C-alpha atoms as a PDB file:
ATOM      1  CA  MET A   1       2.060  11.207 -91.807  1.00  0.00           C
ATOM      2  CA  LYS A   2       1.223   8.778 -88.980  1.00  0.00           C
ATOM      3  CA  TYR A   3      -1.474  11.096 -87.699  1.00  0.00           C
ATOM      4  CA  ARG A   4      -2.911  11.565 -91.193  1.00  0.00           C
ATOM      5  CA  ILE A   5      -3.099   7.794 -91.618  1.00  0.00           C
ATOM      6  CA  SER A   6      -4.673   7.462 -88.161  1.00  0.00           C
ATOM      7  CA  GLU A   7      -7.329  10.064 -88.983  1.00  0.00           C
ATOM      8  CA  TYR A   8      -8.151   8.189 -92.190  1.00  0.00           C
ATOM      9  CA  LEU A   9      -8.431   4.827 -90.387  1.00  0.00           C
ATOM     10  CA  ILE A  10     -10.671   6.317 -87.694  1.00  0.00           C
ATOM     11  CA  LYS A  11     -12.880   8.287 -90.083  1.00  0.00           C
ATOM     12  CA  ASN A  12     -13.245   5.730 -92.859  1.00  0.00           C
ATOM     13  CA  LEU A  13     -12.531   2.278 -91.419  1.00  0.00           C
ATOM     14  CA  ASP A  14     -13.940   2.595 -87.878  1.00  0.00           C
ATOM     15  CA  TYR A  15     -10.695   2.190 -85.945  1.00  0.00           C
ATOM     16  CA  ASN A  16     -11.560   3.026 -82.359  1.00  0.00           C
ATOM     17  CA  ILE A  17      -8.307   2.868 -80.368  1.00  0.00           C
ATOM     18  CA  PHE A  18      -5.145   4.926 -80.822  1.00  0.00           C
ATOM     19  CA  SER A  19      -2.196   3.773 -78.735  1.00  0.00           C
ATOM     20  CA  LEU A  20       1.317   5.110 -78.829  1.00  0.00           C
ATOM     21  CA  GLU A  21       4.778   4.338 -77.474  1.00  0.00           C
ATOM     22  CA  ALA A  22       4.308   6.184 -74.186  1.00  0.00           C
ATOM     23  CA  ASN A  23       3.602   5.204 -70.600  1.00  0.00           C
ATOM     24  CA  MET A  24       0.155   3.633 -70.347  1.00  0.00           C
ATOM     25  CA  PRO A  25      -1.287   5.216 -67.163  1.00  0.00           C
ATOM     26  CA  GLU A  26      -0.195   8.741 -68.080  1.00  0.00           C
ATOM     27  CA  SER A  27      -1.387   8.425 -71.699  1.00  0.00           C
ATOM     28  CA  TYR A  28      -4.813   7.185 -70.637  1.00  0.00           C
ATOM     29  CA  LEU A  29      -5.396  10.519 -68.856  1.00  0.00           C
ATOM     30  CA  MET A  30      -5.741  12.180 -72.284  1.00  0.00           C
ATOM     31  CA  ASN A  31      -9.256  10.708 -72.440  1.00  0.00           C
ATOM     32  CA  ASN A  32     -10.296  13.155 -69.715  1.00  0.00           C
ATOM     33  CA  TYR A  33      -9.591  15.989 -72.136  1.00  0.00           C
ATOM     34  CA  ILE A  34     -10.834  14.297 -75.306  1.00  0.00           C
ATOM     35  CA  ASN A  35     -14.149  13.156 -73.833  1.00  0.00           C
ATOM     36  CA  LYS A  36     -14.826  15.443 -70.848  1.00  0.00           C
ATOM     37  CA  ASN A  37     -12.797  18.595 -71.569  1.00  0.00           C
ATOM     38  CA  ILE A  38     -11.003  18.060 -68.246  1.00  0.00           C
ATOM     39  CA  ASP A  39      -7.276  18.893 -67.888  1.00  0.00           C
ATOM     40  CA  SER A  40      -4.965  20.587 -70.356  1.00  0.00           C
ATOM     41  CA  PRO A  41      -3.721  18.454 -73.274  1.00  0.00           C
ATOM     42  CA  GLN A  42      -0.323  20.151 -73.027  1.00  0.00           C
ATOM     43  CA  ASP A  43      -0.090  19.140 -69.357  1.00  0.00           C
ATOM     44  CA  VAL A  44      -1.036  15.548 -70.190  1.00  0.00           C
ATOM     45  CA  LEU A  45       1.600  15.420 -72.942  1.00  0.00           C
ATOM     46  CA  ARG A  46       4.231  16.765 -70.521  1.00  0.00           C
ATOM     47  CA  GLY A  47       3.157  14.131 -68.021  1.00  0.00           C
ATOM     48  CA  MET A  48       3.900  11.410 -70.572  1.00  0.00           C
ATOM     49  CA  TYR A  49       7.666  12.039 -70.013  1.00  0.00           C
ATOM     50  CA  PHE A  50       8.844  11.632 -73.603  1.00  0.00           C
ATOM     51  CA  TRP A  51       9.560  15.008 -75.194  1.00  0.00           C
ATOM     52  CA  LEU A  52       8.953  13.615 -78.692  1.00  0.00           C
ATOM     53  CA  TRP A  53       5.172  13.586 -78.107  1.00  0.00           C
ATOM     54  CA  GLN A  54       5.210  17.203 -76.905  1.00  0.00           C
ATOM     55  CA  THR A  55       4.780  18.598 -80.396  1.00  0.00           C
ATOM     56  CA  GLN A  56       2.349  20.742 -82.345  1.00  0.00           C
ATOM     57  CA  GLU A  57       1.633  17.715 -84.526  1.00  0.00           C
ATOM     58  CA  THR A  58       0.549  15.557 -81.577  1.00  0.00           C
ATOM     59  CA  LEU A  59      -1.518  18.366 -80.077  1.00  0.00           C
ATOM     60  CA  HIS A  60      -3.252  18.913 -83.417  1.00  0.00           C
ATOM     61  CA  PHE A  61      -4.126  15.202 -83.559  1.00  0.00           C
ATOM     62  CA  VAL A  62      -5.463  15.264 -79.986  1.00  0.00           C
ATOM     63  CA  GLU A  63      -7.693  18.213 -80.885  1.00  0.00           C
ATOM     64  CA  TRP A  64      -8.879  16.315 -83.952  1.00  0.00           C
ATOM     65  CA  LEU A  65      -9.742  13.313 -81.763  1.00  0.00           C
ATOM     66  CA  LYS A  66     -11.669  15.530 -79.370  1.00  0.00           C
ATOM     67  CA  LEU A  67     -13.757  16.968 -82.200  1.00  0.00           C
ATOM     68  CA  HIS A  68     -14.282  13.498 -83.680  1.00  0.00           C
ATOM     69  CA  ASN A  69     -15.516  12.060 -80.380  1.00  0.00           C
ATOM     70  CA  LYS A  70     -17.858  15.002 -79.907  1.00  0.00           C
ATOM     71  CA  ASN A  71     -19.479  14.639 -83.312  1.00  0.00           C
ATOM     72  CA  MET A  72     -19.303  10.917 -84.108  1.00  0.00           C
ATOM     73  CA  ASN A  73     -20.767   7.746 -82.604  1.00  0.00           C
ATOM     74  CA  ASN A  74     -17.501   5.868 -83.182  1.00  0.00           C
ATOM     75  CA  LYS A  75     -15.654   7.111 -80.061  1.00  0.00           C
ATOM     76  CA  VAL A  76     -11.885   6.686 -79.995  1.00  0.00           C
ATOM     77  CA  LEU A  77      -9.898   5.624 -76.928  1.00  0.00           C
ATOM     78  CA  PHE A  78      -6.482   7.257 -76.460  1.00  0.00           C
ATOM     79  CA  ASP A  79      -3.925   5.027 -74.734  1.00  0.00           C
ATOM     80  CA  GLY A  80      -0.269   4.141 -74.348  1.00  0.00           C
ATOM     81  CA  PHE A  81       1.424   0.773 -74.016  1.00  0.00           C
ATOM     82  CA  ASP A  82       4.794   1.498 -72.396  1.00  0.00           C
ATOM     83  CA  MET A  83       5.864   0.858 -68.798  1.00  0.00           C
ATOM     84  CA  GLN A  84       9.233   2.596 -68.397  1.00  0.00           C
ATOM     85  CA  TYR A  85       7.987   4.594 -65.408  1.00  0.00           C
ATOM     86  CA  TYR A  86       5.918   3.445 -62.435  1.00  0.00           C
ATOM     87  CA  PHE A  87       4.995   6.932 -61.131  1.00  0.00           C
ATOM     88  CA  GLY A  88       1.661   7.363 -62.911  1.00  0.00           C
ATOM     89  CA  ALA A  89       0.465   3.861 -62.070  1.00  0.00           C
ATOM     90  CA  LEU A  90       1.386   4.326 -58.402  1.00  0.00           C
ATOM     91  CA  LYS A  91      -0.337   7.727 -58.213  1.00  0.00           C
ATOM     92  CA  GLN A  92      -3.541   6.433 -59.798  1.00  0.00           C
ATOM     93  CA  ILE A  93      -3.621   3.490 -57.371  1.00  0.00           C
ATOM     94  CA  ARG A  94      -3.041   5.834 -54.409  1.00  0.00           C
ATOM     95  CA  ASP A  95      -5.807   8.156 -55.643  1.00  0.00           C
ATOM     96  CA  ILE A  96      -8.256   5.254 -55.421  1.00  0.00           C
ATOM     97  CA  TYR A  97      -7.009   4.384 -51.937  1.00  0.00           C
ATOM     98  CA  GLU A  98      -7.555   7.926 -50.735  1.00  0.00           C
ATOM     99  CA  ALA A  99     -10.901   8.416 -52.513  1.00  0.00           C
ATOM    100  CA  ASN A 100     -12.282   5.255 -50.885  1.00  0.00           C
ATOM    101  CA  ASN A 101     -10.569   5.634 -47.500  1.00  0.00           C
ATOM    102  CA  TYR A 102      -8.668   2.338 -47.828  1.00  0.00           C
ATOM    103  CA  GLU A 103      -6.102   1.619 -45.124  1.00  0.00           C
ATOM    104  CA  LEU A 104      -2.863   3.195 -46.429  1.00  0.00           C
ATOM    105  CA  ASN A 105      -0.253   0.918 -44.876  1.00  0.00           C
ATOM    106  CA  ASP A 106       0.326  -1.302 -47.949  1.00  0.00           C
ATOM    107  CA  ILE A 107       0.393   1.547 -50.466  1.00  0.00           C
ATOM    108  CA  ASN A 108       2.747   3.554 -48.238  1.00  0.00           C
ATOM    109  CA  ASN A 109       5.111   0.594 -47.932  1.00  0.00           C
ATOM    110  CA  LEU A 110       4.956   0.053 -51.692  1.00  0.00           C
ATOM    111  CA  THR A 111       5.730   3.722 -52.372  1.00  0.00           C
ATOM    112  CA  LYS A 112       8.662   3.659 -49.972  1.00  0.00           C
ATOM    113  CA  ILE A 113      10.333   0.551 -51.381  1.00  0.00           C
ATOM    114  CA  LEU A 114       9.859   1.659 -54.996  1.00  0.00           C
ATOM    115  CA  LYS A 115      11.448   5.056 -54.272  1.00  0.00           C
ATOM    116  CA  GLU A 116      14.300   3.629 -52.211  1.00  0.00           C
ATOM    117  CA  ASN A 117      15.206   1.078 -54.877  1.00  0.00           C
ATOM    118  CA  ASN A 118      14.428   3.029 -58.044  1.00  0.00           C
ATOM    119  CA  ARG A 119      17.058   1.990 -60.590  1.00  0.00           C
ATOM    120  CA  GLY A 120      15.795   3.733 -63.709  1.00  0.00           C
ATOM    121  CA  GLN A 121      16.119   1.336 -66.640  1.00  0.00           C
ATOM    122  CA  LYS A 122      17.994  -1.302 -64.608  1.00  0.00           C
ATOM    123  CA  LYS A 123      16.150  -4.232 -63.079  1.00  0.00           C
ATOM    124  CA  TYR A 124      15.443  -4.418 -59.390  1.00  0.00           C
ATOM    125  CA  THR A 125      17.133  -7.316 -57.608  1.00  0.00           C
ATOM    126  CA  GLY A 126      15.186 -10.552 -57.380  1.00  0.00           C
ATOM    127  CA  LYS A 127      14.787 -10.114 -53.644  1.00  0.00           C
ATOM    128  CA  ILE A 128      13.365  -6.597 -53.961  1.00  0.00           C
ATOM    129  CA  GLN A 129      11.093  -7.709 -56.809  1.00  0.00           C
ATOM    130  CA  GLY A 130       9.705 -10.378 -54.493  1.00  0.00           C
ATOM    131  CA  VAL A 131       8.947  -7.840 -51.761  1.00  0.00           C
ATOM    132  CA  ILE A 132       7.301  -5.449 -54.254  1.00  0.00           C
ATOM    133  CA  ASN A 133       5.206  -8.226 -55.803  1.00  0.00           C
ATOM    134  CA  ASP A 134       4.012  -9.343 -52.362  1.00  0.00           C
ATOM    135  CA  LEU A 135       2.858  -5.791 -51.646  1.00  0.00           C
ATOM    136  CA  LEU A 136       1.180  -5.588 -55.062  1.00  0.00           C
ATOM    137  CA  ASP A 137      -0.683  -8.819 -54.278  1.00  0.00           C
ATOM    138  CA  LYS A 138      -2.102  -7.124 -51.187  1.00  0.00           C
ATOM    139  CA  VAL A 139      -2.939  -3.950 -53.117  1.00  0.00           C
ATOM    140  CA  SER A 140      -4.751  -5.999 -55.786  1.00  0.00           C
ATOM    141  CA  GLN A 141      -7.147  -7.403 -53.178  1.00  0.00           C
ATOM    142  CA  ASN A 142      -8.872  -4.022 -52.987  1.00  0.00           C
ATOM    143  CA  ALA A 143     -10.096  -4.463 -56.574  1.00  0.00           C
ATOM    144  CA  VAL A 144     -13.092  -6.466 -55.324  1.00  0.00           C
ATOM    145  CA  LYS A 145     -14.337  -3.310 -53.581  1.00  0.00           C
ATOM    146  CA  ILE A 146     -14.398  -1.278 -56.818  1.00  0.00           C
ATOM    147  CA  ASP A 147     -17.823  -1.242 -58.486  1.00  0.00           C
ATOM    148  CA  ASP A 148     -17.011   0.741 -61.618  1.00  0.00           C
ATOM    149  CA  ALA A 149     -15.772  -1.756 -64.247  1.00  0.00           C
ATOM    150  CA  GLU A 150     -13.531   0.743 -66.073  1.00  0.00           C
ATOM    151  CA  ILE A 151     -11.883   1.961 -62.876  1.00  0.00           C
ATOM    152  CA  LYS A 152     -11.401  -1.605 -61.669  1.00  0.00           C
ATOM    153  CA  LYS A 153      -9.676  -2.877 -64.814  1.00  0.00           C
ATOM    154  CA  ARG A 154      -7.401   0.185 -64.932  1.00  0.00           C
ATOM    155  CA  TYR A 155      -6.589  -0.293 -61.251  1.00  0.00           C
ATOM    156  CA  LEU A 156      -5.493  -3.876 -61.919  1.00  0.00           C
ATOM    157  CA  GLN A 157      -3.623  -2.898 -65.089  1.00  0.00           C
ATOM    158  CA  ASN A 158      -1.699  -0.232 -63.151  1.00  0.00           C
ATOM    159  CA  ILE A 159      -0.575  -3.001 -60.805  1.00  0.00           C
ATOM    160  CA  THR A 160       0.603  -4.915 -63.891  1.00  0.00           C
ATOM    161  CA  ILE A 161       2.491  -1.832 -65.125  1.00  0.00           C
ATOM    162  CA  ILE A 162       4.435  -1.705 -61.851  1.00  0.00           C
ATOM    163  CA  ARG A 163       5.174  -5.442 -62.020  1.00  0.00           C
ATOM    164  CA  GLN A 164       6.508  -4.944 -65.554  1.00  0.00           C
ATOM    165  CA  ASN A 165       8.490  -1.837 -64.674  1.00  0.00           C
ATOM    166  CA  ILE A 166      10.532  -3.535 -61.950  1.00  0.00           C
ATOM    167  CA  GLN A 167      11.559  -6.230 -64.444  1.00  0.00           C
ATOM    168  CA  VAL A 168      12.536  -4.032 -67.389  1.00  0.00           C
ATOM    169  CA  GLY A 169      16.267  -4.150 -67.910  1.00  0.00           C
ATOM    170  CA  SER A 170      16.575  -4.344 -71.692  1.00  0.00           C
ATOM    171  CA  SER A 171      14.704  -3.607 -74.902  1.00  0.00           C
ATOM    172  CA  LEU A 172      13.884  -7.312 -75.068  1.00  0.00           C
ATOM    173  CA  THR A 173      11.770  -7.343 -71.902  1.00  0.00           C
ATOM    174  CA  ARG A 174      10.345  -3.904 -72.659  1.00  0.00           C
ATOM    175  CA  ASP A 175       9.137  -4.948 -76.118  1.00  0.00           C
ATOM    176  CA  LYS A 176       7.601  -8.145 -74.753  1.00  0.00           C
ATOM    177  CA  PHE A 177       5.686  -6.152 -72.136  1.00  0.00           C
ATOM    178  CA  MET A 178       4.582  -3.541 -74.693  1.00  0.00           C
ATOM    179  CA  ALA A 179       3.127  -6.350 -76.809  1.00  0.00           C
ATOM    180  CA  GLU A 180       1.335  -7.731 -73.738  1.00  0.00           C
ATOM    181  CA  ASN A 181      -0.119  -4.293 -72.979  1.00  0.00           C
ATOM    182  CA  ILE A 182      -1.397  -3.892 -76.527  1.00  0.00           C
ATOM    183  CA  ASP A 183      -2.993  -7.325 -76.238  1.00  0.00           C
ATOM    184  CA  TRP A 184      -4.578  -6.208 -72.936  1.00  0.00           C
ATOM    185  CA  ILE A 185      -6.075  -3.161 -74.675  1.00  0.00           C
ATOM    186  CA  LYS A 186      -7.350  -5.336 -77.524  1.00  0.00           C
ATOM    187  CA  GLN A 187      -8.964  -7.846 -75.141  1.00  0.00           C
ATOM    188  CA  ASN A 188     -10.500  -5.270 -72.791  1.00  0.00           C
ATOM    189  CA  TYR A 189     -12.096  -2.970 -75.362  1.00  0.00           C
ATOM    190  CA  THR A 190     -14.033  -5.194 -77.738  1.00  0.00           C
ATOM    191  CA  PRO A 191     -14.901  -4.949 -80.513  1.00  0.00           C
ATOM    192  CA  SER A 192     -11.708  -3.059 -81.237  1.00  0.00           C
ATOM    193  CA  LYS A 193      -9.551  -2.004 -84.155  1.00  0.00           C
ATOM    194  CA  VAL A 194      -6.267  -0.688 -82.783  1.00  0.00           C
ATOM    195  CA  ILE A 195      -3.780   1.793 -84.244  1.00  0.00           C
ATOM    196  CA  ILE A 196      -0.281   1.310 -82.808  1.00  0.00           C
ATOM    197  CA  SER A 197       2.210   4.157 -83.162  1.00  0.00           C
ATOM    198  CA  ALA A 198       5.858   3.345 -82.411  1.00  0.00           C
ATOM    199  CA  HIS A 199       9.379   3.337 -83.823  1.00  0.00           C
ATOM    200  CA  ASN A 200      10.109   1.221 -86.906  1.00  0.00           C
ATOM    201  CA  PHE A 201      12.077  -1.367 -84.967  1.00  0.00           C
ATOM    202  CA  HIS A 202       9.392  -1.782 -82.297  1.00  0.00           C
ATOM    203  CA  VAL A 203       6.660  -2.536 -84.848  1.00  0.00           C
ATOM    204  CA  SER A 204       8.954  -4.727 -86.991  1.00  0.00           C
ATOM    205  CA  LYS A 205       7.894  -8.334 -87.526  1.00  0.00           C
ATOM    206  CA  GLU A 206      11.374  -9.628 -88.297  1.00  0.00           C
ATOM    207  CA  ASN A 207      13.316  -9.201 -85.047  1.00  0.00           C
ATOM    208  CA  SER A 208      12.329 -11.904 -82.547  1.00  0.00           C
ATOM    209  CA  SER A 209      12.865  -9.484 -79.645  1.00  0.00           C
ATOM    210  CA  SER A 210      10.611  -6.743 -81.047  1.00  0.00           C
ATOM    211  CA  MET A 211       7.102  -5.863 -79.943  1.00  0.00           C
ATOM    212  CA  GLY A 212       5.841  -6.353 -83.506  1.00  0.00           C
ATOM    213  CA  PHE A 213       7.206  -9.910 -83.626  1.00  0.00           C
ATOM    214  CA  HIS A 214       5.162 -10.857 -80.548  1.00  0.00           C
ATOM    215  CA  ILE A 215       2.013  -9.154 -81.865  1.00  0.00           C
ATOM    216  CA  ASN A 216       2.404 -10.753 -85.283  1.00  0.00           C
ATOM    217  CA  LYS A 217       2.898 -14.182 -83.724  1.00  0.00           C
ATOM    218  CA  LYS A 218      -0.504 -13.937 -82.035  1.00  0.00           C
ATOM    219  CA  TYR A 219      -2.580 -11.930 -84.513  1.00  0.00           C
ATOM    220  CA  GLN A 220      -0.866 -12.902 -87.799  1.00  0.00           C
ATOM    221  CA  SER A 221      -2.813 -11.461 -90.775  1.00  0.00           C
ATOM    222  CA  ASP A 222      -4.761  -9.179 -88.416  1.00  0.00           C
ATOM    223  CA  TYR A 223      -1.525  -7.320 -87.707  1.00  0.00           C
ATOM    224  CA  VAL A 224      -0.585  -5.017 -90.588  1.00  0.00           C
ATOM    225  CA  ASN A 225       2.378  -2.689 -90.163  1.00  0.00           C
ATOM    226  CA  PHE A 226       3.970   0.263 -91.940  1.00  0.00           C
ATOM    227  CA  GLY A 227       7.627   1.211 -91.859  1.00  0.00           C
ATOM    228  CA  PHE A 228       8.867   4.727 -92.588  1.00  0.00           C
ATOM    229  CA  ALA A 229      11.937   5.792 -94.563  1.00  0.00           C
ATOM    230  CA  PHE A 230      13.389   9.070 -95.810  1.00  0.00           C
ATOM    231  CA  PHE A 231      16.367  10.052 -97.964  1.00  0.00           C
ATOM    232  CA  GLU A 232      17.475  13.330 -96.383  1.00  0.00           C
ATOM    233  CA  GLY A 233      16.254  16.295 -94.391  1.00  0.00           C
ATOM    234  CA  ASN A 234      16.067  17.153 -90.710  1.00  0.00           C
ATOM    235  CA  TYR A 235      14.334  15.947 -87.578  1.00  0.00           C
ATOM    236  CA  THR A 236      13.924  16.689 -83.899  1.00  0.00           C
ATOM    237  CA  ALA A 237      16.158  14.519 -81.734  1.00  0.00           C
ATOM    238  CA  SER A 238      18.121  14.281 -78.513  1.00  0.00           C
ATOM    239  CA  VAL A 239      21.867  14.447 -79.157  1.00  0.00           C
ATOM    240  CA  ASN A 240      24.390  14.717 -76.317  1.00  0.00           C
ATOM    241  CA  LYS A 241      21.519  15.538 -73.931  1.00  0.00           C
ATOM    242  CA  LYS A 242      20.444  18.437 -76.125  1.00  0.00           C
ATOM    243  CA  ILE A 243      16.993  18.361 -77.742  1.00  0.00           C
ATOM    244  CA  GLY A 244      16.606  20.297 -80.958  1.00  0.00           C
ATOM    245  CA  THR A 245      16.564  20.196 -84.749  1.00  0.00           C
ATOM    246  CA  PHE A 246      19.337  18.246 -86.450  1.00  0.00           C
ATOM    247  CA  THR A 247      20.268  17.575 -90.056  1.00  0.00           C
ATOM    248  CA  SER A 248      20.045  13.925 -90.958  1.00  0.00           C
ATOM    249  CA  GLN A 249      22.719  11.877 -92.622  1.00  0.00           C
ATOM    250  CA  THR A 250      21.879  11.730 -96.335  1.00  0.00           C
ATOM    251  CA  ALA A 251      21.195   8.120 -97.265  1.00  0.00           C
ATOM    252  CA  PRO A 252      24.457   6.617 -98.581  1.00  0.00           C
ATOM    253  CA  GLN A 253      24.819   4.847-101.900  1.00  0.00           C
ATOM    254  CA  GLY A 254      23.628   1.259-101.668  1.00  0.00           C
ATOM    255  CA  SER A 255      21.105   1.943 -98.904  1.00  0.00           C
ATOM    256  CA  LEU A 256      17.398   1.297 -99.321  1.00  0.00           C
ATOM    257  CA  GLU A 257      16.609   5.010 -99.102  1.00  0.00           C
ATOM    258  CA  TYR A 258      19.243   5.878-101.723  1.00  0.00           C
ATOM    259  CA  ASN A 259      17.756   3.382-104.167  1.00  0.00           C
ATOM    260  CA  LEU A 260      14.181   4.539-103.551  1.00  0.00           C
ATOM    261  CA  ASN A 261      15.176   8.185-103.957  1.00  0.00           C
ATOM    262  CA  SER A 262      16.590   7.377-107.414  1.00  0.00           C
ATOM    263  CA  LEU A 263      12.987   6.879-108.591  1.00  0.00           C
ATOM    264  CA  ASN A 264      12.523  10.680-108.336  1.00  0.00           C
ATOM    265  CA  ILE A 265       9.093  10.358-106.715  1.00  0.00           C
ATOM    266  CA  PRO A 266       8.764  12.688-103.685  1.00  0.00           C
ATOM    267  CA  TYR A 267       6.809  10.226-101.541  1.00  0.00           C
ATOM    268  CA  PHE A 268       5.015   6.943-102.053  1.00  0.00           C
ATOM    269  CA  VAL A 269       3.887   3.725-100.378  1.00  0.00           C
ATOM    270  CA  LEU A 270       5.737   0.538-101.267  1.00  0.00           C
ATOM    271  CA  ASP A 271       3.708  -2.683-101.069  1.00  0.00           C
ATOM    272  CA  LEU A 272       6.288  -5.099 -99.671  1.00  0.00           C
ATOM    273  CA  LYS A 273       3.803  -7.965 -99.436  1.00  0.00           C
ATOM    274  CA  ALA A 274       3.145  -7.741-103.174  1.00  0.00           C
ATOM    275  CA  ILE A 275       6.872  -7.579-103.951  1.00  0.00           C
ATOM    276  CA  LYS A 276       7.480 -10.738-101.896  1.00  0.00           C
ATOM    277  CA  ALA A 277       4.590 -12.536-103.569  1.00  0.00           C
ATOM    278  CA  ASP A 278       5.540 -11.391-107.080  1.00  0.00           C
ATOM    279  CA  LYS A 279       9.159 -12.599-106.930  1.00  0.00           C
ATOM    280  CA  ASN A 280      10.044 -10.288-109.803  1.00  0.00           C
ATOM    281  CA  GLU A 281      13.747 -10.120-110.680  1.00  0.00           C
ATOM    282  CA  LEU A 282      13.700  -6.320-110.364  1.00  0.00           C
ATOM    283  CA  GLY A 283      12.527  -6.534-106.773  1.00  0.00           C
ATOM    284  CA  LYS A 284      14.966  -9.168-105.524  1.00  0.00           C
ATOM    285  CA  TRP A 285      17.348  -6.602-104.027  1.00  0.00           C
ATOM    286  CA  ILE A 286      14.681  -5.442-101.596  1.00  0.00           C
ATOM    287  CA  LEU A 287      14.148  -8.984-100.280  1.00  0.00           C
ATOM    288  CA  LYS A 288      17.691  -9.118 -98.893  1.00  0.00           C
ATOM    289  CA  LYS A 289      19.285  -7.344 -95.936  1.00  0.00           C
ATOM    290  CA  ILE A 290      20.113  -3.787 -96.891  1.00  0.00           C
ATOM    291  CA  GLN A 291      21.267  -0.626 -95.128  1.00  0.00           C
ATOM    292  CA  PHE A 292      18.208   1.084 -93.605  1.00  0.00           C
ATOM    293  CA  ARG A 293      17.892   4.166 -91.385  1.00  0.00           C
ATOM    294  CA  LYS A 294      17.535   3.313 -87.673  1.00  0.00           C
ATOM    295  CA  THR A 295      17.267   6.830 -86.221  1.00  0.00           C
ATOM    296  CA  GLY A 296      14.743   7.301 -83.424  1.00  0.00           C
ATOM    297  CA  SER A 297      14.505   9.916 -80.683  1.00  0.00           C
ATOM    298  CA  GLY A 298      18.309   9.990 -80.582  1.00  0.00           C
ATOM    299  CA  THR A 299      20.920   9.459 -83.246  1.00  0.00           C
ATOM    300  CA  GLU A 300      24.437   8.128 -83.782  1.00  0.00           C
ATOM    301  CA  ASN A 301      27.239   8.867 -86.217  1.00  0.00           C
ATOM    302  CA  ASN A 302      26.033   6.026 -88.424  1.00  0.00           C
ATOM    303  CA  GLU A 303      22.258   6.236 -88.780  1.00  0.00           C
ATOM    304  CA  PHE A 304      21.971   3.026 -90.812  1.00  0.00           C
ATOM    305  CA  ARG A 305      22.116  -0.703 -90.185  1.00  0.00           C
ATOM    306  CA  LYS A 306      21.433  -3.790 -92.288  1.00  0.00           C
ATOM    307  CA  THR A 307      17.788  -4.785 -92.098  1.00  0.00           C
ATOM    308  CA  ASN A 308      15.535  -7.232 -93.900  1.00  0.00           C
ATOM    309  CA  ILE A 309      12.851  -4.753 -94.946  1.00  0.00           C
ATOM    310  CA  ALA A 310      10.459  -7.175 -96.636  1.00  0.00           C
ATOM    311  CA  ASP A 311      10.329  -9.431 -93.579  1.00  0.00           C
ATOM    312  CA  SER A 312       9.975  -6.460 -91.228  1.00  0.00           C
ATOM    313  CA  PHE A 313       7.032  -4.582 -92.749  1.00  0.00           C
ATOM    314  CA  ASP A 314       3.945  -5.092 -94.893  1.00  0.00           C
ATOM    315  CA  TYR A 315       4.229  -1.606 -96.387  1.00  0.00           C
ATOM    316  CA  LEU A 316       6.927   1.058 -96.454  1.00  0.00           C
ATOM    317  CA  ILE A 317       6.205   4.784 -96.695  1.00  0.00           C
ATOM    318  CA  PHE A 318       9.058   6.645 -98.360  1.00  0.00           C
ATOM    319  CA  ILE A 319       9.536  10.412 -98.107  1.00  0.00           C
ATOM    320  CA  ASN A 320      12.449  11.914-100.014  1.00  0.00           C
ATOM    321  CA  LYS A 321      12.921  14.903 -97.698  1.00  0.00           C
ATOM    322  CA  SER A 322      11.979  14.842 -94.029  1.00  0.00           C
ATOM    323  CA  SER A 323      11.030  17.908 -92.010  1.00  0.00           C
ATOM    324  CA  HIS A 324      11.316  18.154 -88.241  1.00  0.00           C
ATOM    325  CA  SER A 325       8.452  18.083 -85.756  1.00  0.00           C
ATOM    326  CA  ASN A 326       7.596  21.307 -83.927  1.00  0.00           C
ATOM    327  CA  LEU A 327       8.092  21.220 -80.171  1.00  0.00           C
ATOM    328  CA  LEU A 328       5.537  22.864 -77.892  1.00  0.00           C
ATOM    329  CA  ARG A 329       8.353  24.386 -75.831  1.00  0.00           C
ATOM    330  CA  GLU A 330      12.117  24.831 -75.934  1.00  0.00           C
ATOM    331  CA  TYR A 331      14.448  22.471 -74.062  1.00  0.00           C
END
């Protein structure tokens, strides 16, 4: 459904950037395939780390983008906005060093200290962050030698990705950085109309720690978001370190999805902005906190939590029965 909406926005409303919840440097490589027929799209998707993008649905959308860019003047940029891994940013910086015969001492030292202190999702110590940032300052000085404007801005943004990565220790800092990266895309590719694809609770406007809150604070009415909900069905997820197809928890009585399913309409779009503005007695229940599915790439025994839907989203897409995505390979 997200890809169908994206195709419509690109084809009919001239949206020219598609960015998803995946590492920025690795995602950007998809443009080599879309625009130059270089690299394999499956390899690029694998290089984006997250298995949930390695699906037939994503591949189909990439192929659609390639055909669109070939035949239309409105070219679309493919990008990511996450920073959970520094590997792609570091490799792309090193590639520029080696292609231009820059002295390798600083990049070698940077590579060594990042590998020796890699803490996954935990923050590096303040002392180590200081050392890494000093090295990144030196690395950034080489930007003045880069003539190509696109290569130069990506070189500097990769440095930013590494600076962000060493600070990420919670969803709060991650969401703030994702919002900053989306803003960077918006500012560096003008005029731009950006499609952002991410989990419900990342795009939400209500939670002050969410990416969507930060974007909405800056762009206000220019930021329009859609939430997704379903009553029952199945989905692809990671449960107990196993990736596969799982049956969802049927929405319990009293939940938002249960109430919407009682309308007996297979799927529809709910205009939450209109409901808030209308203040109709029948719609008051949806303006309060209500149980709402929180499932993402993983799941828990209780898939629901209380959420203020009307303050979180402008529109809600409801599907009564979900079907799983189709992985490109078995895990």
